[in-house]
N, C-alpha and C. Protein backbone atom coordinates (compact mmCIF):
# COMPACT_ATOMS: atom_id res chain seq x y z
N MET A 1 215.23 -66.92 143.64
CA MET A 1 214.13 -66.43 142.84
C MET A 1 214.69 -65.48 141.78
N MET A 2 214.33 -65.71 140.54
CA MET A 2 214.78 -64.87 139.43
C MET A 2 213.77 -63.75 139.23
N ARG A 3 214.27 -62.52 139.13
CA ARG A 3 213.40 -61.37 138.90
C ARG A 3 213.42 -61.05 137.42
N VAL A 4 212.22 -60.87 136.85
CA VAL A 4 212.07 -60.53 135.44
C VAL A 4 211.24 -59.27 135.35
N LEU A 5 211.73 -58.30 134.59
CA LEU A 5 211.00 -57.08 134.31
C LEU A 5 210.63 -57.14 132.84
N LEU A 6 209.34 -57.08 132.55
CA LEU A 6 208.86 -57.19 131.17
C LEU A 6 208.05 -55.96 130.84
N CYS A 7 208.31 -55.40 129.69
CA CYS A 7 207.57 -54.24 129.21
C CYS A 7 207.09 -54.57 127.81
N LEU A 8 205.78 -54.68 127.62
CA LEU A 8 205.24 -55.16 126.35
C LEU A 8 205.26 -54.11 125.24
N SER A 9 205.04 -52.84 125.58
CA SER A 9 204.91 -51.86 124.50
C SER A 9 206.11 -50.93 124.36
N ASP A 10 206.83 -50.70 125.40
CA ASP A 10 207.94 -49.76 125.35
C ASP A 10 209.26 -50.47 125.58
N GLU A 11 210.30 -49.86 125.09
CA GLU A 11 211.63 -50.39 125.33
C GLU A 11 212.08 -50.00 126.73
N ILE A 12 212.75 -50.90 127.39
CA ILE A 12 213.31 -50.65 128.71
C ILE A 12 214.74 -50.17 128.51
N GLU A 13 215.14 -49.19 129.30
CA GLU A 13 216.50 -48.67 129.25
C GLU A 13 217.19 -49.01 130.57
N VAL A 14 218.28 -49.77 130.48
CA VAL A 14 219.09 -50.10 131.64
C VAL A 14 220.34 -49.23 131.56
N VAL A 15 220.51 -48.36 132.55
CA VAL A 15 221.64 -47.42 132.55
C VAL A 15 222.77 -48.02 133.37
N MET A 16 223.95 -48.11 132.76
CA MET A 16 225.10 -48.77 133.37
C MET A 16 226.32 -47.85 133.35
N LEU A 17 227.21 -48.08 134.32
CA LEU A 17 228.52 -47.43 134.35
C LEU A 17 229.58 -48.52 134.42
N LEU A 18 230.55 -48.44 133.56
CA LEU A 18 231.65 -49.40 133.48
C LEU A 18 232.95 -48.62 133.66
N THR A 19 233.76 -49.00 134.65
CA THR A 19 235.02 -48.31 134.89
C THR A 19 236.16 -49.12 134.30
N LEU A 20 236.92 -48.47 133.42
CA LEU A 20 238.06 -49.10 132.76
C LEU A 20 239.37 -48.49 133.25
N ASP A 21 240.40 -49.30 133.33
CA ASP A 21 241.71 -48.85 133.78
C ASP A 21 242.44 -48.16 132.62
N LEU A 22 241.96 -46.97 132.29
CA LEU A 22 242.55 -46.13 131.25
C LEU A 22 242.73 -44.73 131.82
N THR A 23 243.61 -43.96 131.23
CA THR A 23 243.81 -42.58 131.65
C THR A 23 242.79 -41.67 130.97
N PHE A 24 242.05 -40.95 131.79
CA PHE A 24 241.05 -40.02 131.25
C PHE A 24 241.73 -38.75 130.77
N THR A 25 241.31 -38.28 129.60
CA THR A 25 241.74 -36.98 129.09
C THR A 25 240.50 -36.14 128.85
N PRO A 26 240.61 -34.82 128.95
CA PRO A 26 239.43 -33.95 128.75
C PRO A 26 238.74 -34.17 127.41
N GLU A 27 239.49 -34.57 126.38
CA GLU A 27 238.89 -34.80 125.06
C GLU A 27 237.83 -35.90 125.10
N LEU A 28 237.95 -36.82 126.06
CA LEU A 28 236.96 -37.92 126.15
C LEU A 28 235.59 -37.43 126.61
N SER A 29 235.49 -36.21 127.07
CA SER A 29 234.19 -35.67 127.46
C SER A 29 233.51 -34.91 126.33
N ILE A 30 234.17 -34.84 125.18
CA ILE A 30 233.64 -34.11 124.01
C ILE A 30 233.24 -35.13 122.94
N PRO A 31 231.93 -35.35 122.74
CA PRO A 31 231.47 -36.39 121.80
C PRO A 31 231.97 -36.26 120.37
N THR A 32 232.39 -35.08 119.96
CA THR A 32 232.87 -34.89 118.59
C THR A 32 234.39 -35.03 118.47
N SER A 33 235.08 -35.21 119.60
CA SER A 33 236.55 -35.31 119.53
C SER A 33 236.97 -36.67 118.96
N SER A 34 238.13 -36.68 118.35
CA SER A 34 238.63 -37.93 117.76
C SER A 34 238.88 -39.00 118.84
N GLN A 35 239.30 -38.58 120.04
CA GLN A 35 239.54 -39.54 121.13
C GLN A 35 238.24 -40.19 121.58
N PHE A 36 237.18 -39.38 121.72
CA PHE A 36 235.86 -39.91 122.10
C PHE A 36 235.38 -40.91 121.06
N ILE A 37 235.42 -40.50 119.81
CA ILE A 37 234.92 -41.34 118.71
C ILE A 37 235.72 -42.64 118.62
N ALA A 38 237.04 -42.55 118.79
CA ALA A 38 237.88 -43.76 118.72
C ALA A 38 237.58 -44.72 119.87
N LEU A 39 237.45 -44.19 121.10
CA LEU A 39 237.19 -45.08 122.23
C LEU A 39 235.78 -45.67 122.14
N ARG A 40 234.81 -44.86 121.76
CA ARG A 40 233.45 -45.40 121.57
C ARG A 40 233.47 -46.50 120.51
N GLY A 41 234.26 -46.30 119.45
CA GLY A 41 234.37 -47.30 118.39
C GLY A 41 234.97 -48.61 118.85
N ARG A 42 235.79 -48.56 119.89
CA ARG A 42 236.38 -49.79 120.45
C ARG A 42 235.46 -50.43 121.49
N VAL A 43 234.80 -49.59 122.29
CA VAL A 43 234.00 -50.07 123.43
C VAL A 43 232.63 -50.60 122.99
N GLN A 44 231.94 -49.86 122.13
CA GLN A 44 230.57 -50.22 121.78
C GLN A 44 230.45 -51.63 121.19
N PRO A 45 231.30 -52.05 120.25
CA PRO A 45 231.17 -53.41 119.71
C PRO A 45 231.38 -54.50 120.77
N VAL A 46 232.26 -54.25 121.73
CA VAL A 46 232.49 -55.22 122.80
C VAL A 46 231.24 -55.33 123.68
N LEU A 47 230.65 -54.17 124.02
CA LEU A 47 229.42 -54.18 124.80
C LEU A 47 228.30 -54.89 124.05
N GLU A 48 228.15 -54.59 122.76
CA GLU A 48 227.10 -55.22 121.96
C GLU A 48 227.28 -56.73 121.93
N ALA A 49 228.50 -57.19 121.71
CA ALA A 49 228.75 -58.64 121.68
C ALA A 49 228.47 -59.27 123.04
N ASN A 50 228.76 -58.55 124.10
CA ASN A 50 228.59 -59.08 125.45
C ASN A 50 227.12 -59.17 125.86
N TYR A 51 226.31 -58.19 125.47
CA TYR A 51 224.91 -58.13 125.92
C TYR A 51 223.91 -58.62 124.88
N ARG A 52 224.34 -58.90 123.68
CA ARG A 52 223.44 -59.29 122.59
C ARG A 52 222.60 -60.52 122.92
N SER A 53 223.09 -61.40 123.79
CA SER A 53 222.35 -62.63 124.11
C SER A 53 221.25 -62.42 125.15
N LEU A 54 221.10 -61.22 125.69
CA LEU A 54 220.04 -60.96 126.66
C LEU A 54 218.68 -61.10 125.99
N THR A 55 217.74 -61.69 126.69
CA THR A 55 216.37 -61.79 126.20
C THR A 55 215.84 -60.39 125.90
N GLY A 56 215.32 -60.17 124.71
CA GLY A 56 214.73 -58.88 124.34
C GLY A 56 215.72 -57.80 123.96
N PHE A 57 217.01 -58.16 123.83
CA PHE A 57 218.04 -57.16 123.51
C PHE A 57 217.70 -56.39 122.25
N ARG A 58 217.89 -55.05 122.32
CA ARG A 58 217.66 -54.20 121.16
C ARG A 58 218.90 -53.40 120.78
N SER A 59 219.59 -52.81 121.78
CA SER A 59 220.68 -51.91 121.42
C SER A 59 221.60 -51.62 122.60
N ILE A 60 222.76 -51.10 122.25
CA ILE A 60 223.72 -50.53 123.20
C ILE A 60 223.96 -49.10 122.75
N ASN A 61 224.00 -48.18 123.68
CA ASN A 61 224.31 -46.79 123.36
C ASN A 61 225.35 -46.29 124.36
N VAL A 62 226.56 -46.01 123.87
CA VAL A 62 227.59 -45.40 124.71
C VAL A 62 227.26 -43.91 124.76
N ARG A 63 226.86 -43.43 125.95
CA ARG A 63 226.41 -42.05 126.09
C ARG A 63 227.55 -41.09 126.39
N GLY A 64 228.62 -41.58 127.01
CA GLY A 64 229.71 -40.68 127.32
C GLY A 64 230.78 -41.34 128.17
N PHE A 65 231.82 -40.56 128.42
CA PHE A 65 232.95 -40.99 129.25
C PHE A 65 233.19 -39.91 130.29
N SER A 66 233.61 -40.34 131.49
CA SER A 66 233.96 -39.37 132.52
C SER A 66 235.18 -39.86 133.28
N ALA A 67 235.72 -38.96 134.11
CA ALA A 67 236.94 -39.25 134.85
C ALA A 67 236.67 -40.22 136.00
N GLY A 68 237.73 -40.86 136.45
CA GLY A 68 237.70 -41.86 137.50
C GLY A 68 238.27 -43.10 136.86
N SER A 69 239.54 -43.04 136.43
CA SER A 69 240.09 -43.85 135.35
C SER A 69 239.26 -43.40 134.15
N VAL A 70 238.60 -44.31 133.43
CA VAL A 70 237.62 -43.89 132.42
C VAL A 70 236.33 -44.61 132.75
N VAL A 71 235.28 -43.84 133.02
CA VAL A 71 233.97 -44.39 133.31
C VAL A 71 233.14 -44.29 132.04
N VAL A 72 232.66 -45.44 131.57
CA VAL A 72 231.83 -45.52 130.37
C VAL A 72 230.38 -45.50 130.80
N ASP A 73 229.64 -44.49 130.39
CA ASP A 73 228.21 -44.36 130.67
C ASP A 73 227.49 -44.93 129.45
N PHE A 74 226.75 -46.03 129.64
CA PHE A 74 226.06 -46.63 128.50
C PHE A 74 224.70 -47.16 128.90
N THR A 75 223.86 -47.37 127.90
CA THR A 75 222.55 -47.94 128.15
C THR A 75 222.38 -49.22 127.34
N ILE A 76 221.58 -50.10 127.88
CA ILE A 76 221.16 -51.31 127.18
C ILE A 76 219.68 -51.14 126.89
N GLY A 77 219.31 -51.16 125.63
CA GLY A 77 217.91 -51.10 125.25
C GLY A 77 217.40 -52.52 125.09
N THR A 78 216.30 -52.83 125.75
CA THR A 78 215.75 -54.19 125.73
C THR A 78 214.25 -54.14 125.97
N THR A 79 213.59 -55.26 125.79
CA THR A 79 212.16 -55.33 126.10
C THR A 79 211.92 -56.09 127.40
N THR A 80 212.94 -56.79 127.88
CA THR A 80 212.84 -57.61 129.09
C THR A 80 214.15 -57.54 129.84
N VAL A 81 214.09 -57.47 131.17
CA VAL A 81 215.30 -57.55 131.97
C VAL A 81 215.18 -58.76 132.87
N VAL A 82 216.07 -59.72 132.65
CA VAL A 82 216.15 -60.91 133.50
C VAL A 82 217.44 -60.75 134.31
N ASP A 83 217.30 -60.53 135.62
CA ASP A 83 218.46 -60.21 136.45
C ASP A 83 219.58 -61.23 136.32
N GLY A 84 219.27 -62.51 136.26
CA GLY A 84 220.30 -63.54 136.15
C GLY A 84 221.08 -63.41 134.86
N GLU A 85 220.40 -63.09 133.76
CA GLU A 85 221.08 -62.90 132.48
C GLU A 85 221.98 -61.67 132.51
N LEU A 86 221.48 -60.59 133.10
CA LEU A 86 222.26 -59.37 133.18
C LEU A 86 223.51 -59.58 134.04
N LYS A 87 223.36 -60.29 135.15
CA LYS A 87 224.51 -60.57 136.01
C LYS A 87 225.54 -61.42 135.27
N ALA A 88 225.10 -62.43 134.55
CA ALA A 88 226.03 -63.28 133.79
C ALA A 88 226.77 -62.47 132.73
N ALA A 89 226.05 -61.60 132.03
CA ALA A 89 226.70 -60.76 131.01
C ALA A 89 227.71 -59.82 131.67
N ASN A 90 227.34 -59.24 132.81
CA ASN A 90 228.27 -58.36 133.53
C ASN A 90 229.51 -59.12 133.98
N ASP A 91 229.32 -60.36 134.42
CA ASP A 91 230.45 -61.17 134.87
C ASP A 91 231.44 -61.47 133.74
N ASN A 92 230.97 -61.45 132.49
CA ASN A 92 231.83 -61.72 131.34
C ASN A 92 232.62 -60.50 130.85
N LEU A 93 232.28 -59.32 131.36
CA LEU A 93 232.91 -58.10 130.85
C LEU A 93 234.42 -58.08 131.03
N GLU A 94 234.90 -58.56 132.16
CA GLU A 94 236.34 -58.52 132.42
C GLU A 94 237.12 -59.21 131.31
N GLN A 95 236.68 -60.40 130.93
CA GLN A 95 237.35 -61.13 129.86
C GLN A 95 237.14 -60.45 128.51
N SER A 96 235.93 -59.96 128.25
CA SER A 96 235.62 -59.32 126.97
C SER A 96 236.47 -58.07 126.72
N PHE A 97 236.79 -57.34 127.79
CA PHE A 97 237.53 -56.09 127.65
C PHE A 97 239.04 -56.24 127.76
N GLU A 98 239.54 -57.46 127.92
CA GLU A 98 240.98 -57.66 128.05
C GLU A 98 241.80 -56.96 126.96
N PRO A 99 241.38 -56.99 125.68
CA PRO A 99 242.18 -56.31 124.65
C PRO A 99 242.20 -54.78 124.78
N ILE A 100 241.24 -54.20 125.51
CA ILE A 100 241.14 -52.74 125.61
C ILE A 100 241.73 -52.24 126.92
N ALA A 101 241.24 -52.76 128.04
CA ALA A 101 241.69 -52.32 129.36
C ALA A 101 241.08 -53.21 130.43
N ALA A 102 241.69 -53.21 131.60
CA ALA A 102 241.14 -53.96 132.73
C ALA A 102 239.84 -53.30 133.19
N VAL A 103 238.86 -54.12 133.54
CA VAL A 103 237.59 -53.63 134.09
C VAL A 103 237.77 -53.48 135.59
N LEU A 104 237.53 -52.26 136.08
CA LEU A 104 237.66 -51.99 137.51
C LEU A 104 236.33 -52.07 138.24
N GLY A 105 235.23 -51.97 137.50
CA GLY A 105 233.91 -52.05 138.13
C GLY A 105 232.81 -51.89 137.11
N ILE A 106 231.63 -52.44 137.46
CA ILE A 106 230.44 -52.30 136.63
C ILE A 106 229.27 -52.05 137.57
N PHE A 107 228.48 -51.03 137.27
CA PHE A 107 227.38 -50.66 138.14
C PHE A 107 226.12 -50.42 137.32
N ARG A 108 225.02 -50.95 137.80
CA ARG A 108 223.71 -50.70 137.19
C ARG A 108 223.08 -49.55 137.95
N LEU A 109 222.90 -48.41 137.28
CA LEU A 109 222.35 -47.24 137.95
C LEU A 109 220.85 -47.35 138.14
N PHE A 110 220.14 -47.60 137.04
CA PHE A 110 218.69 -47.76 137.15
C PHE A 110 218.13 -48.38 135.88
N THR A 111 216.90 -48.81 135.99
CA THR A 111 216.17 -49.37 134.87
C THR A 111 214.92 -48.54 134.67
N SER A 112 214.74 -48.04 133.47
CA SER A 112 213.59 -47.19 133.16
C SER A 112 212.60 -47.98 132.33
N GLN A 113 211.33 -47.90 132.70
CA GLN A 113 210.29 -48.55 131.90
C GLN A 113 209.64 -47.58 130.94
N SER A 114 210.16 -46.37 130.88
CA SER A 114 209.60 -45.38 129.95
C SER A 114 210.09 -45.65 128.55
N LYS A 115 209.32 -45.19 127.61
CA LYS A 115 209.74 -45.31 126.22
C LYS A 115 210.98 -44.46 125.99
N ILE A 116 211.96 -45.04 125.28
CA ILE A 116 213.19 -44.28 124.99
C ILE A 116 213.29 -44.02 123.52
């Protein structure tokens, strides 16, 4: 059974964590640092290309990086969440990120139906 979450008036926010096999430095926790900006510049386009085919896709927002190798905190803005589509997109991340770093894990934290 495929689960579909549909929100007609508000955008849905899917909060995700992606762990990459990179060395974390304290500068990656500072959004204005050159290291943060450079890594976001490499990661965000890959995420956008990977999730753009989701039904109702609106945006990707890299919110931050944290330690544990490098954990990418990002959101997917969409109007609909189809679990099968999200799983397929997540399954493609390992190949999509090959030029940047190995993917060690991907986790969906929660889905918000509130307006973002």
